[in-house]
Amino acid sequence: MKKEFIVPDMTCGHCVKTITEAIHAFSPEAKVTADTTTHWLTVEAETVEAQEVMMKLQAAGFNPQLA
């Protein structure tokens, strides 16, 4: 399923790498697409819940919002 988020503090490639690693740590098959210009993050995976993604991103130091 596709989950979409706004991550206002995702501003650079390092942020994208950190976010991608945080998501892949619990869902290795997830497809992560990020745009640092619009702060838009898309996560596609069969077994990932939006709340779980948000908790992992918060633990990594980001402030995600559901899009």
C-alpha atoms as a PDB file:
ATOM      1  CA  MET A   1       0.000   0.000   0.000  1.00  0.00           C
ATOM      2  CA  LYS A   2       1.109   3.553  -0.640  1.00  0.00           C
ATOM      3  CA  LYS A   3       1.479   5.950   2.288  1.00  0.00           C
ATOM      4  CA  GLU A   4       2.216   9.644   1.764  1.00  0.00           C
ATOM      5  CA  PHE A   5       3.728  12.090   4.226  1.00  0.00           C
ATOM      6  CA  ILE A   6       4.917  15.662   4.460  1.00  0.00           C
ATOM      7  CA  VAL A   7       8.256  15.916   6.262  1.00  0.00           C
ATOM      8  CA  PRO A   8       9.018  19.654   6.646  1.00  0.00           C
ATOM      9  CA  ASP A   9      12.481  19.062   8.085  1.00  0.00           C
ATOM     10  CA  MET A  10      13.595  16.745   5.237  1.00  0.00           C
ATOM     11  CA  THR A  11      15.809  19.214   3.393  1.00  0.00           C
ATOM     12  CA  CYS A  12      18.781  17.382   1.883  1.00  0.00           C
ATOM     13  CA  GLY A  13      20.137  14.125   0.542  1.00  0.00           C
ATOM     14  CA  HIS A  14      21.454  13.142   3.958  1.00  0.00           C
ATOM     15  CA  CYS A  15      17.928  13.492   5.370  1.00  0.00           C
ATOM     16  CA  VAL A  16      16.587  11.242   2.602  1.00  0.00           C
ATOM     17  CA  LYS A  17      19.292   8.653   3.330  1.00  0.00           C
ATOM     18  CA  THR A  18      18.514   8.702   7.060  1.00  0.00           C
ATOM     19  CA  ILE A  19      14.771   8.355   6.411  1.00  0.00           C
ATOM     20  CA  THR A  20      15.258   5.562   3.877  1.00  0.00           C
ATOM     21  CA  GLU A  21      17.508   3.636   6.268  1.00  0.00           C
ATOM     22  CA  ALA A  22      15.009   4.072   9.120  1.00  0.00           C
ATOM     23  CA  ILE A  23      12.196   2.671   6.976  1.00  0.00           C
ATOM     24  CA  HIS A  24      14.262  -0.166   5.495  1.00  0.00           C
ATOM     25  CA  ALA A  25      15.334  -1.210   9.005  1.00  0.00           C
ATOM     26  CA  PHE A  26      11.795  -2.473   9.690  1.00  0.00           C
ATOM     27  CA  SER A  27      10.534  -2.926   6.116  1.00  0.00           C
ATOM     28  CA  PRO A  28      13.404  -3.868   3.763  1.00  0.00           C
ATOM     29  CA  GLU A  29      11.075  -4.309   0.773  1.00  0.00           C
ATOM     30  CA  ALA A  30       9.583  -0.813   1.035  1.00  0.00           C
ATOM     31  CA  LYS A  31       9.969   1.534  -1.916  1.00  0.00           C
ATOM     32  CA  VAL A  32      10.811   5.000  -0.588  1.00  0.00           C
ATOM     33  CA  THR A  33      10.468   8.106  -2.764  1.00  0.00           C
ATOM     34  CA  ALA A  34      11.391  11.515  -1.375  1.00  0.00           C
ATOM     35  CA  ASP A  35      11.368  15.072  -2.719  1.00  0.00           C
ATOM     36  CA  THR A  36      13.339  17.572  -0.640  1.00  0.00           C
ATOM     37  CA  THR A  37      11.863  20.525  -2.543  1.00  0.00           C
ATOM     38  CA  THR A  38       8.242  19.734  -1.682  1.00  0.00           C
ATOM     39  CA  HIS A  39       9.111  17.729   1.480  1.00  0.00           C
ATOM     40  CA  TRP A  40       6.900  14.945   0.121  1.00  0.00           C
ATOM     41  CA  LEU A  41       7.654  11.349   1.148  1.00  0.00           C
ATOM     42  CA  THR A  42       6.007   8.268  -0.321  1.00  0.00           C
ATOM     43  CA  VAL A  43       6.418   4.790   1.143  1.00  0.00           C
ATOM     44  CA  GLU A  44       5.108   1.783  -0.757  1.00  0.00           C
ATOM     45  CA  ALA A  45       5.023  -1.620   0.955  1.00  0.00           C
ATOM     46  CA  GLU A  46       2.522  -4.365   1.604  1.00  0.00           C
ATOM     47  CA  THR A  47       2.813  -4.526   5.372  1.00  0.00           C
ATOM     48  CA  VAL A  48       3.663  -0.985   6.462  1.00  0.00           C
ATOM     49  CA  GLU A  49       1.231   1.110   8.498  1.00  0.00           C
ATOM     50  CA  ALA A  50       1.331   4.918   8.394  1.00  0.00           C
ATOM     51  CA  GLN A  51       1.593   5.199  12.192  1.00  0.00           C
ATOM     52  CA  GLU A  52       4.569   2.842  12.211  1.00  0.00           C
ATOM     53  CA  VAL A  53       6.384   4.958   9.599  1.00  0.00           C
ATOM     54  CA  MET A  54       5.630   8.123  11.551  1.00  0.00           C
ATOM     55  CA  MET A  55       6.994   6.630  14.786  1.00  0.00           C
ATOM     56  CA  LYS A  56      10.208   5.487  13.083  1.00  0.00           C
ATOM     57  CA  LEU A  57      10.717   8.896  11.464  1.00  0.00           C
ATOM     58  CA  GLN A  58      10.123  10.655  14.781  1.00  0.00           C
ATOM     59  CA  ALA A  59      12.684   8.360  16.405  1.00  0.00           C
ATOM     60  CA  ALA A  60      15.135   9.381  13.646  1.00  0.00           C
ATOM     61  CA  GLY A  61      14.576  13.048  14.514  1.00  0.00           C
ATOM     62  CA  PHE A  62      11.992  14.101  11.921  1.00  0.00           C
ATOM     63  CA  ASN A  63       8.484  15.549  12.278  1.00  0.00           C
ATOM     64  CA  PRO A  64       6.316  13.774   9.683  1.00  0.00           C
ATOM     65  CA  GLN A  65       2.670  14.545   8.985  1.00  0.00           C
ATOM     66  CA  LEU A  66       0.184  12.491   7.014  1.00  0.00           C
ATOM     67  CA  ALA A  67      -0.343  14.036   3.598  1.00  0.00           C
END
